[in-house]
Amino acid sequence: MAVKGIPKPKTKRDPKYLAWIRKQPCGYKGNFCQGEVEAHHVRRQRWGAGTGKKPHDYVAVPRCRYHHTPNHELDVELEIIELLIEYFGKS
């Protein structure tokens, strides 16, 4: 619920980052990956997600269609940090 006088935080969007994420291999630690990789936005309230609101693009991880489901969303914090370091470290 928004508090009167306090603006809602703006969700960060970066299409170039999402395009880069889609070129990475599926980050799920398993061996049953299939299909093209998609940008999976990890939903955590502290990262800007809410009811009906997609979180920031910088908390997206690469997932194949099979692993692009909420039950494959465990322990992604370190993966997100490593992806950001790799993406921003290349410039």
PDB file of N, CA and C in Angstrom:
ATOM      1  N   MET A   1       0.833  -1.160   0.000  1.00  0.00           N
ATOM      2  CA  MET A   1       0.000   0.000   0.000  1.00  0.00           C
ATOM      3  C   MET A   1       0.890   1.240   0.000  1.00  0.00           C
ATOM      4  N   ALA A   2       0.622   2.162  -0.892  1.00  0.00           N
ATOM      5  CA  ALA A   2       1.410   3.374  -0.998  1.00  0.00           C
ATOM      6  C   ALA A   2       1.053   4.332   0.129  1.00  0.00           C
ATOM      7  N   VAL A   3       2.067   4.976   0.675  1.00  0.00           N
ATOM      8  CA  VAL A   3       1.867   5.970   1.717  1.00  0.00           C
ATOM      9  C   VAL A   3       1.731   7.323   1.035  1.00  0.00           C
ATOM     10  N   LYS A   4       0.740   8.086   1.449  1.00  0.00           N
ATOM     11  CA  LYS A   4       0.484   9.377   0.823  1.00  0.00           C
ATOM     12  C   LYS A   4       1.714  10.277   0.945  1.00  0.00           C
ATOM     13  N   GLY A   5       2.123  10.849  -0.193  1.00  0.00           N
ATOM     14  CA  GLY A   5       3.275  11.749  -0.214  1.00  0.00           C
ATOM     15  C   GLY A   5       4.600  11.061  -0.486  1.00  0.00           C
ATOM     16  N   ILE A   6       4.640   9.722  -0.418  1.00  0.00           N
ATOM     17  CA  ILE A   6       5.882   8.986  -0.692  1.00  0.00           C
ATOM     18  C   ILE A   6       5.706   8.255  -2.018  1.00  0.00           C
ATOM     19  N   PRO A   7       6.518   8.616  -3.029  1.00  0.00           N
ATOM     20  CA  PRO A   7       6.356   7.957  -4.334  1.00  0.00           C
ATOM     21  C   PRO A   7       6.792   6.501  -4.295  1.00  0.00           C
ATOM     22  N   LYS A   8       6.147   5.685  -5.119  1.00  0.00           N
ATOM     23  CA  LYS A   8       6.541   4.284  -5.257  1.00  0.00           C
ATOM     24  C   LYS A   8       7.901   4.233  -5.937  1.00  0.00           C
ATOM     25  N   PRO A   9       8.759   3.290  -5.552  1.00  0.00           N
ATOM     26  CA  PRO A   9      10.040   3.172  -6.243  1.00  0.00           C
ATOM     27  C   PRO A   9       9.837   2.748  -7.691  1.00  0.00           C
ATOM     28  N   LYS A  10      10.628   3.305  -8.588  1.00  0.00           N
ATOM     29  CA  LYS A  10      10.528   2.986 -10.007  1.00  0.00           C
ATOM     30  C   LYS A  10      11.302   1.704 -10.290  1.00  0.00           C
ATOM     31  N   THR A  11      10.684   0.792 -11.014  1.00  0.00           N
ATOM     32  CA  THR A  11      11.332  -0.463 -11.376  1.00  0.00           C
ATOM     33  C   THR A  11      12.382  -0.200 -12.435  1.00  0.00           C
ATOM     34  N   LYS A  12      13.589  -0.704 -12.229  1.00  0.00           N
ATOM     35  CA  LYS A  12      14.704  -0.503 -13.155  1.00  0.00           C
ATOM     36  C   LYS A  12      14.578  -1.458 -14.334  1.00  0.00           C
ATOM     37  N   ARG A  13      14.647  -0.925 -15.539  1.00  0.00           N
ATOM     38  CA  ARG A  13      14.584  -1.716 -16.768  1.00  0.00           C
ATOM     39  C   ARG A  13      15.870  -1.520 -17.563  1.00  0.00           C
ATOM     40  N   ASP A  14      16.398  -2.606 -18.114  1.00  0.00           N
ATOM     41  CA  ASP A  14      17.610  -2.551 -18.933  1.00  0.00           C
ATOM     42  C   ASP A  14      17.507  -3.630 -20.011  1.00  0.00           C
ATOM     43  N   PRO A  15      16.946  -3.293 -21.182  1.00  0.00           N
ATOM     44  CA  PRO A  15      16.786  -4.276 -22.260  1.00  0.00           C
ATOM     45  C   PRO A  15      18.100  -4.884 -22.727  1.00  0.00           C
ATOM     46  N   LYS A  16      19.185  -4.107 -22.693  1.00  0.00           N
ATOM     47  CA  LYS A  16      20.490  -4.648 -23.116  1.00  0.00           C
ATOM     48  C   LYS A  16      20.972  -5.724 -22.139  1.00  0.00           C
ATOM     49  N   TYR A  17      20.732  -5.511 -20.853  1.00  0.00           N
ATOM     50  CA  TYR A  17      21.111  -6.508 -19.859  1.00  0.00           C
ATOM     51  C   TYR A  17      20.296  -7.783 -20.043  1.00  0.00           C
ATOM     52  N   LEU A  18      18.986  -7.649 -20.287  1.00  0.00           N
ATOM     53  CA  LEU A  18      18.146  -8.831 -20.493  1.00  0.00           C
ATOM     54  C   LEU A  18      18.565  -9.591 -21.751  1.00  0.00           C
ATOM     55  N   ALA A  19      18.947  -8.878 -22.813  1.00  0.00           N
ATOM     56  CA  ALA A  19      19.426  -9.541 -24.032  1.00  0.00           C
ATOM     57  C   ALA A  19      20.705 -10.319 -23.729  1.00  0.00           C
ATOM     58  N   TRP A  20      21.573  -9.754 -22.913  1.00  0.00           N
ATOM     59  CA  TRP A  20      22.817 -10.432 -22.524  1.00  0.00           C
ATOM     60  C   TRP A  20      22.506 -11.670 -21.685  1.00  0.00           C
ATOM     61  N   ILE A  21      21.553 -11.544 -20.742  1.00  0.00           N
ATOM     62  CA  ILE A  21      21.149 -12.685 -19.902  1.00  0.00           C
ATOM     63  C   ILE A  21      20.669 -13.837 -20.776  1.00  0.00           C
ATOM     64  N   ARG A  22      19.894 -13.536 -21.817  1.00  0.00           N
ATOM     65  CA  ARG A  22      19.345 -14.583 -22.689  1.00  0.00           C
ATOM     66  C   ARG A  22      20.422 -15.307 -23.492  1.00  0.00           C
ATOM     67  N   LYS A  23      21.611 -14.744 -23.586  1.00  0.00           N
ATOM     68  CA  LYS A  23      22.719 -15.393 -24.304  1.00  0.00           C
ATOM     69  C   LYS A  23      23.559 -16.275 -23.387  1.00  0.00           C
ATOM     70  N   GLN A  24      23.291 -16.235 -22.083  1.00  0.00           N
ATOM     71  CA  GLN A  24      24.043 -17.037 -21.118  1.00  0.00           C
ATOM     72  C   GLN A  24      23.430 -18.432 -21.025  1.00  0.00           C
ATOM     73  N   PRO A  25      24.208 -19.411 -20.571  1.00  0.00           N
ATOM     74  CA  PRO A  25      23.624 -20.751 -20.386  1.00  0.00           C
ATOM     75  C   PRO A  25      22.677 -20.755 -19.179  1.00  0.00           C
ATOM     76  N   CYS A  26      21.758 -21.677 -19.181  1.00  0.00           N
ATOM     77  CA  CYS A  26      20.843 -21.821 -18.048  1.00  0.00           C
ATOM     78  C   CYS A  26      21.671 -21.973 -16.781  1.00  0.00           C
ATOM     79  N   GLY A  27      21.364 -21.168 -15.788  1.00  0.00           N
ATOM     80  CA  GLY A  27      22.146 -21.159 -14.557  1.00  0.00           C
ATOM     81  C   GLY A  27      21.710 -22.170 -13.528  1.00  0.00           C
ATOM     82  N   TYR A  28      20.687 -22.953 -13.820  1.00  0.00           N
ATOM     83  CA  TYR A  28      20.233 -23.950 -12.866  1.00  0.00           C
ATOM     84  C   TYR A  28      21.257 -25.061 -12.767  1.00  0.00           C
ATOM     85  N   LYS A  29      21.560 -25.457 -11.553  1.00  0.00           N
ATOM     86  CA  LYS A  29      22.588 -26.486 -11.334  1.00  0.00           C
ATOM     87  C   LYS A  29      21.984 -27.872 -11.503  1.00  0.00           C
ATOM     88  N   GLY A  30      21.699 -28.222 -12.717  1.00  0.00           N
ATOM     89  CA  GLY A  30      21.133 -29.530 -13.010  1.00  0.00           C
ATOM     90  C   GLY A  30      21.554 -29.952 -14.405  1.00  0.00           C
ATOM     91  N   ASN A  31      21.035 -31.052 -14.883  1.00  0.00           N
ATOM     92  CA  ASN A  31      21.435 -31.517 -16.203  1.00  0.00           C
ATOM     93  C   ASN A  31      20.241 -31.804 -17.100  1.00  0.00           C
ATOM     94  N   PHE A  32      19.103 -31.197 -16.804  1.00  0.00           N
ATOM     95  CA  PHE A  32      17.926 -31.444 -17.620  1.00  0.00           C
ATOM     96  C   PHE A  32      17.445 -30.145 -18.273  1.00  0.00           C
ATOM     97  N   CYS A  33      18.376 -29.340 -18.763  1.00  0.00           N
ATOM     98  CA  CYS A  33      18.013 -28.071 -19.398  1.00  0.00           C
ATOM     99  C   CYS A  33      17.497 -28.345 -20.799  1.00  0.00           C
ATOM    100  N   GLN A  34      16.503 -27.548 -21.201  1.00  0.00           N
ATOM    101  CA  GLN A  34      15.952 -27.706 -22.540  1.00  0.00           C
ATOM    102  C   GLN A  34      15.392 -26.386 -23.025  1.00  0.00           C
ATOM    103  N   GLY A  35      15.471 -26.182 -24.309  1.00  0.00           N
ATOM    104  CA  GLY A  35      14.896 -24.991 -24.924  1.00  0.00           C
ATOM    105  C   GLY A  35      15.781 -23.770 -24.816  1.00  0.00           C
ATOM    106  N   GLU A  36      15.295 -22.673 -25.408  1.00  0.00           N
ATOM    107  CA  GLU A  36      16.036 -21.422 -25.380  1.00  0.00           C
ATOM    108  C   GLU A  36      16.067 -20.859 -23.966  1.00  0.00           C
ATOM    109  N   VAL A  37      17.108 -20.089 -23.702  1.00  0.00           N
ATOM    110  CA  VAL A  37      17.237 -19.452 -22.394  1.00  0.00           C
ATOM    111  C   VAL A  37      16.385 -18.189 -22.369  1.00  0.00           C
ATOM    112  N   GLU A  38      15.711 -17.980 -21.240  1.00  0.00           N
ATOM    113  CA  GLU A  38      14.864 -16.816 -21.032  1.00  0.00           C
ATOM    114  C   GLU A  38      15.380 -16.060 -19.812  1.00  0.00           C
ATOM    115  N   ALA A  39      15.012 -14.801 -19.706  1.00  0.00           N
ATOM    116  CA  ALA A  39      15.356 -14.003 -18.527  1.00  0.00           C
ATOM    117  C   ALA A  39      14.280 -14.232 -17.470  1.00  0.00           C
ATOM    118  N   HIS A  40      14.654 -14.892 -16.393  1.00  0.00           N
ATOM    119  CA  HIS A  40      13.717 -15.192 -15.307  1.00  0.00           C
ATOM    120  C   HIS A  40      13.899 -14.154 -14.203  1.00  0.00           C
ATOM    121  N   HIS A  41      12.885 -13.326 -13.967  1.00  0.00           N
ATOM    122  CA  HIS A  41      12.941 -12.317 -12.919  1.00  0.00           C
ATOM    123  C   HIS A  41      12.637 -12.974 -11.576  1.00  0.00           C
ATOM    124  N   VAL A  42      13.624 -12.954 -10.697  1.00  0.00           N
ATOM    125  CA  VAL A  42      13.476 -13.555  -9.381  1.00  0.00           C
ATOM    126  C   VAL A  42      12.594 -12.645  -8.538  1.00  0.00           C
ATOM    127  N   ARG A  43      11.539 -13.193  -8.009  1.00  0.00           N
ATOM    128  CA  ARG A  43      10.574 -12.379  -7.261  1.00  0.00           C
ATOM    129  C   ARG A  43      10.885 -12.420  -5.762  1.00  0.00           C
ATOM    130  N   ARG A  44      11.381 -11.307  -5.300  1.00  0.00           N
ATOM    131  CA  ARG A  44      11.614 -11.092  -3.877  1.00  0.00           C
ATOM    132  C   ARG A  44      11.073  -9.706  -3.562  1.00  0.00           C
ATOM    133  N   GLN A  45      10.267  -9.598  -2.551  1.00  0.00           N
ATOM    134  CA  GLN A  45       9.663  -8.306  -2.226  1.00  0.00           C
ATOM    135  C   GLN A  45      10.729  -7.244  -1.977  1.00  0.00           C
ATOM    136  N   ARG A  46      11.827  -7.618  -1.347  1.00  0.00           N
ATOM    137  CA  ARG A  46      12.871  -6.634  -1.042  1.00  0.00           C
ATOM    138  C   ARG A  46      13.597  -6.142  -2.295  1.00  0.00           C
ATOM    139  N   TRP A  47      13.387  -6.826  -3.443  1.00  0.00           N
ATOM    140  CA  TRP A  47      14.021  -6.407  -4.697  1.00  0.00           C
ATOM    141  C   TRP A  47      13.045  -5.710  -5.626  1.00  0.00           C
ATOM    142  N   GLY A  48      11.944  -5.242  -5.111  1.00  0.00           N
ATOM    143  CA  GLY A  48      11.014  -4.467  -5.913  1.00  0.00           C
ATOM    144  C   GLY A  48       9.838  -5.227  -6.484  1.00  0.00           C
ATOM    145  N   ALA A  49       9.693  -6.504  -6.168  1.00  0.00           N
ATOM    146  CA  ALA A  49       8.554  -7.270  -6.676  1.00  0.00           C
ATOM    147  C   ALA A  49       7.376  -7.101  -5.731  1.00  0.00           C
ATOM    148  N   GLY A  50       6.228  -7.163  -6.279  1.00  0.00           N
ATOM    149  CA  GLY A  50       5.017  -7.091  -5.479  1.00  0.00           C
ATOM    150  C   GLY A  50       3.898  -7.747  -6.252  1.00  0.00           C
ATOM    151  N   THR A  51       2.707  -7.686  -5.718  1.00  0.00           N
ATOM    152  CA  THR A  51       1.570  -8.269  -6.394  1.00  0.00           C
ATOM    153  C   THR A  51       1.366  -7.563  -7.721  1.00  0.00           C
ATOM    154  N   GLY A  52       1.470  -8.304  -8.801  1.00  0.00           N
ATOM    155  CA  GLY A  52       1.273  -7.744 -10.133  1.00  0.00           C
ATOM    156  C   GLY A  52       2.398  -6.842 -10.590  1.00  0.00           C
ATOM    157  N   LYS A  53       3.547  -6.895  -9.951  1.00  0.00           N
ATOM    158  CA  LYS A  53       4.663  -6.027 -10.326  1.00  0.00           C
ATOM    159  C   LYS A  53       5.924  -6.860 -10.532  1.00  0.00           C
ATOM    160  N   LYS A  54       6.502  -6.773 -11.734  1.00  0.00           N
ATOM    161  CA  LYS A  54       7.726  -7.498 -12.035  1.00  0.00           C
ATOM    162  C   LYS A  54       8.896  -6.801 -11.341  1.00  0.00           C
ATOM    163  N   PRO A  55       9.848  -7.554 -10.789  1.00  0.00           N
ATOM    164  CA  PRO A  55      10.998  -6.926 -10.132  1.00  0.00           C
ATOM    165  C   PRO A  55      11.960  -6.292 -11.138  1.00  0.00           C
ATOM    166  N   HIS A  56      12.983  -5.658 -10.625  1.00  0.00           N
ATOM    167  CA  HIS A  56      14.007  -5.013 -11.450  1.00  0.00           C
ATOM    168  C   HIS A  56      14.656  -6.018 -12.401  1.00  0.00           C
ATOM    169  N   ASP A  57      15.106  -5.536 -13.558  1.00  0.00           N
ATOM    170  CA  ASP A  57      15.773  -6.413 -14.530  1.00  0.00           C
ATOM    171  C   ASP A  57      17.096  -6.958 -13.992  1.00  0.00           C
ATOM    172  N   TYR A  58      17.722  -6.241 -13.074  1.00  0.00           N
ATOM    173  CA  TYR A  58      19.021  -6.683 -12.569  1.00  0.00           C
ATOM    174  C   TYR A  58      18.933  -7.857 -11.597  1.00  0.00           C
ATOM    175  N   VAL A  59      17.740  -8.351 -11.331  1.00  0.00           N
ATOM    176  CA  VAL A  59      17.594  -9.574 -10.544  1.00  0.00           C
ATOM    177  C   VAL A  59      17.048 -10.701 -11.427  1.00  0.00           C
ATOM    178  N   ALA A  60      17.316 -10.603 -12.721  1.00  0.00           N
ATOM    179  CA  ALA A  60      16.938 -11.671 -13.656  1.00  0.00           C
ATOM    180  C   ALA A  60      18.101 -12.645 -13.794  1.00  0.00           C
ATOM    181  N   VAL A  61      17.776 -13.911 -13.941  1.00  0.00           N
ATOM    182  CA  VAL A  61      18.785 -14.949 -14.130  1.00  0.00           C
ATOM    183  C   VAL A  61      18.435 -15.741 -15.386  1.00  0.00           C
ATOM    184  N   PRO A  62      19.446 -16.348 -16.047  1.00  0.00           N
ATOM    185  CA  PRO A  62      19.160 -17.137 -17.241  1.00  0.00           C
ATOM    186  C   PRO A  62      18.578 -18.506 -16.886  1.00  0.00           C
ATOM    187  N   ARG A  63      17.431 -18.827 -17.489  1.00  0.00           N
ATOM    188  CA  ARG A  63      16.800 -20.119 -17.255  1.00  0.00           C
ATOM    189  C   ARG A  63      16.216 -20.646 -18.557  1.00  0.00           C
ATOM    190  N   CYS A  64      16.375 -21.946 -18.774  1.00  0.00           N
ATOM    191  CA  CYS A  64      15.706 -22.583 -19.908  1.00  0.00           C
ATOM    192  C   CYS A  64      14.210 -22.666 -19.571  1.00  0.00           C
ATOM    193  N   ARG A  65      13.396 -22.999 -20.528  1.00  0.00           N
ATOM    194  CA  ARG A  65      11.944 -23.062 -20.314  1.00  0.00           C
ATOM    195  C   ARG A  65      11.602 -24.028 -19.169  1.00  0.00           C
ATOM    196  N   TYR A  66      12.284 -25.167 -19.094  1.00  0.00           N
ATOM    197  CA  TYR A  66      11.986 -26.157 -18.056  1.00  0.00           C
ATOM    198  C   TYR A  66      12.235 -25.594 -16.651  1.00  0.00           C
ATOM    199  N   HIS A  67      13.332 -24.854 -16.483  1.00  0.00           N
ATOM    200  CA  HIS A  67      13.696 -24.342 -15.166  1.00  0.00           C
ATOM    201  C   HIS A  67      13.139 -22.947 -14.888  1.00  0.00           C
ATOM    202  N   HIS A  68      12.344 -22.407 -15.805  1.00  0.00           N
ATOM    203  CA  HIS A  68      11.765 -21.075 -15.630  1.00  0.00           C
ATOM    204  C   HIS A  68      10.448 -21.184 -14.852  1.00  0.00           C
ATOM    205  N   THR A  69      10.542 -21.725 -13.666  1.00  0.00           N
ATOM    206  CA  THR A  69       9.370 -21.883 -12.797  1.00  0.00           C
ATOM    207  C   THR A  69       9.763 -21.527 -11.368  1.00  0.00           C
ATOM    208  N   PRO A  70       8.817 -21.081 -10.552  1.00  0.00           N
ATOM    209  CA  PRO A  70       9.150 -20.669  -9.181  1.00  0.00           C
ATOM    210  C   PRO A  70       9.806 -21.749  -8.322  1.00  0.00           C
ATOM    211  N   ASN A  71       9.521 -23.024  -8.562  1.00  0.00           N
ATOM    212  CA  ASN A  71      10.120 -24.054  -7.716  1.00  0.00           C
ATOM    213  C   ASN A  71      11.608 -24.276  -8.017  1.00  0.00           C
ATOM    214  N   HIS A  72      12.152 -23.630  -9.041  1.00  0.00           N
ATOM    215  CA  HIS A  72      13.584 -23.702  -9.338  1.00  0.00           C
ATOM    216  C   HIS A  72      14.262 -22.370  -9.020  1.00  0.00           C
ATOM    217  N   GLU A  73      13.817 -21.704  -7.969  1.00  0.00           N
ATOM    218  CA  GLU A  73      14.279 -20.345  -7.667  1.00  0.00           C
ATOM    219  C   GLU A  73      15.079 -20.280  -6.373  1.00  0.00           C
ATOM    220  N   LEU A  74      15.672 -21.343  -5.941  1.00  0.00           N
ATOM    221  CA  LEU A  74      16.405 -21.363  -4.686  1.00  0.00           C
ATOM    222  C   LEU A  74      17.844 -20.894  -4.863  1.00  0.00           C
ATOM    223  N   ASP A  75      18.389 -20.252  -3.847  1.00  0.00           N
ATOM    224  CA  ASP A  75      19.804 -19.862  -3.795  1.00  0.00           C
ATOM    225  C   ASP A  75      20.277 -19.114  -5.037  1.00  0.00           C
ATOM    226  N   VAL A  76      19.545 -18.101  -5.453  1.00  0.00           N
ATOM    227  CA  VAL A  76      19.937 -17.365  -6.657  1.00  0.00           C
ATOM    228  C   VAL A  76      20.692 -16.079  -6.348  1.00  0.00           C
ATOM    229  N   GLU A  77      20.792 -15.694  -5.083  1.00  0.00           N
ATOM    230  CA  GLU A  77      21.433 -14.429  -4.745  1.00  0.00           C
ATOM    231  C   GLU A  77      22.878 -14.380  -5.246  1.00  0.00           C
ATOM    232  N   LEU A  78      23.668 -15.416  -4.996  1.00  0.00           N
ATOM    233  CA  LEU A  78      25.052 -15.452  -5.453  1.00  0.00           C
ATOM    234  C   LEU A  78      25.131 -15.451  -6.974  1.00  0.00           C
ATOM    235  N   GLU A  79      24.232 -16.163  -7.628  1.00  0.00           N
ATOM    236  CA  GLU A  79      24.207 -16.194  -9.088  1.00  0.00           C
ATOM    237  C   GLU A  79      23.950 -14.788  -9.653  1.00  0.00           C
ATOM    238  N   ILE A  80      23.021 -14.053  -9.056  1.00  0.00           N
ATOM    239  CA  ILE A  80      22.717 -12.698  -9.508  1.00  0.00           C
ATOM    240  C   ILE A  80      23.949 -11.806  -9.363  1.00  0.00           C
ATOM    241  N   ILE A  81      24.632 -11.880  -8.231  1.00  0.00           N
ATOM    242  CA  ILE A  81      25.829 -11.065  -8.009  1.00  0.00           C
ATOM    243  C   ILE A  81      26.903 -11.400  -9.030  1.00  0.00           C
ATOM    244  N   GLU A  82      27.134 -12.690  -9.293  1.00  0.00           N
ATOM    245  CA  GLU A  82      28.156 -13.098 -10.269  1.00  0.00           C
ATOM    246  C   GLU A  82      27.813 -12.612 -11.668  1.00  0.00           C
ATOM    247  N   LEU A  83      26.542 -12.672 -12.056  1.00  0.00           N
ATOM    248  CA  LEU A  83      26.127 -12.193 -13.370  1.00  0.00           C
ATOM    249  C   LEU A  83      26.338 -10.688 -13.512  1.00  0.00           C
ATOM    250  N   LEU A  84      25.986  -9.931 -12.482  1.00  0.00           N
ATOM    251  CA  LEU A  84      26.176  -8.484 -12.523  1.00  0.00           C
ATOM    252  C   LEU A  84      27.660  -8.123 -12.615  1.00  0.00           C
ATOM    253  N   ILE A  85      28.502  -8.811 -11.866  1.00  0.00           N
ATOM    254  CA  ILE A  85      29.942  -8.561 -11.921  1.00  0.00           C
ATOM    255  C   ILE A  85      30.471  -8.851 -13.323  1.00  0.00           C
ATOM    256  N   GLU A  86      30.046  -9.959 -13.909  1.00  0.00           N
ATOM    257  CA  GLU A  86      30.497 -10.307 -15.264  1.00  0.00           C
ATOM    258  C   GLU A  86      30.010  -9.284 -16.293  1.00  0.00           C
ATOM    259  N   TYR A  87      28.742  -8.898 -16.213  1.00  0.00           N
ATOM    260  CA  TYR A  87      28.166  -7.964 -17.185  1.00  0.00           C
ATOM    261  C   TYR A  87      28.802  -6.584 -17.086  1.00  0.00           C
ATOM    262  N   PHE A  88      28.885  -6.038 -15.881  1.00  0.00           N
ATOM    263  CA  PHE A  88      29.425  -4.690 -15.726  1.00  0.00           C
ATOM    264  C   PHE A  88      30.943  -4.668 -15.745  1.00  0.00           C
ATOM    265  N   GLY A  89      31.578  -5.808 -15.513  1.00  0.00           N
ATOM    266  CA  GLY A  89      33.043  -5.869 -15.549  1.00  0.00           C
ATOM    267  C   GLY A  89      33.618  -5.898 -16.951  1.00  0.00           C
ATOM    268  N   LYS A  90      32.764  -6.151 -17.959  1.00  0.00           N
ATOM    269  CA  LYS A  90      33.264  -6.245 -19.325  1.00  0.00           C
ATOM    270  C   LYS A  90      33.450  -4.887 -19.972  1.00  0.00           C
ATOM    271  N   SER A  91      32.950  -3.818 -19.361  1.00  0.00           N
ATOM    272  CA  SER A  91      33.049  -2.496 -19.998  1.00  0.00           C
ATOM    273  C   SER A  91      34.259  -1.719 -19.568  1.00  0.00           C
TER     274      SER A  91
END
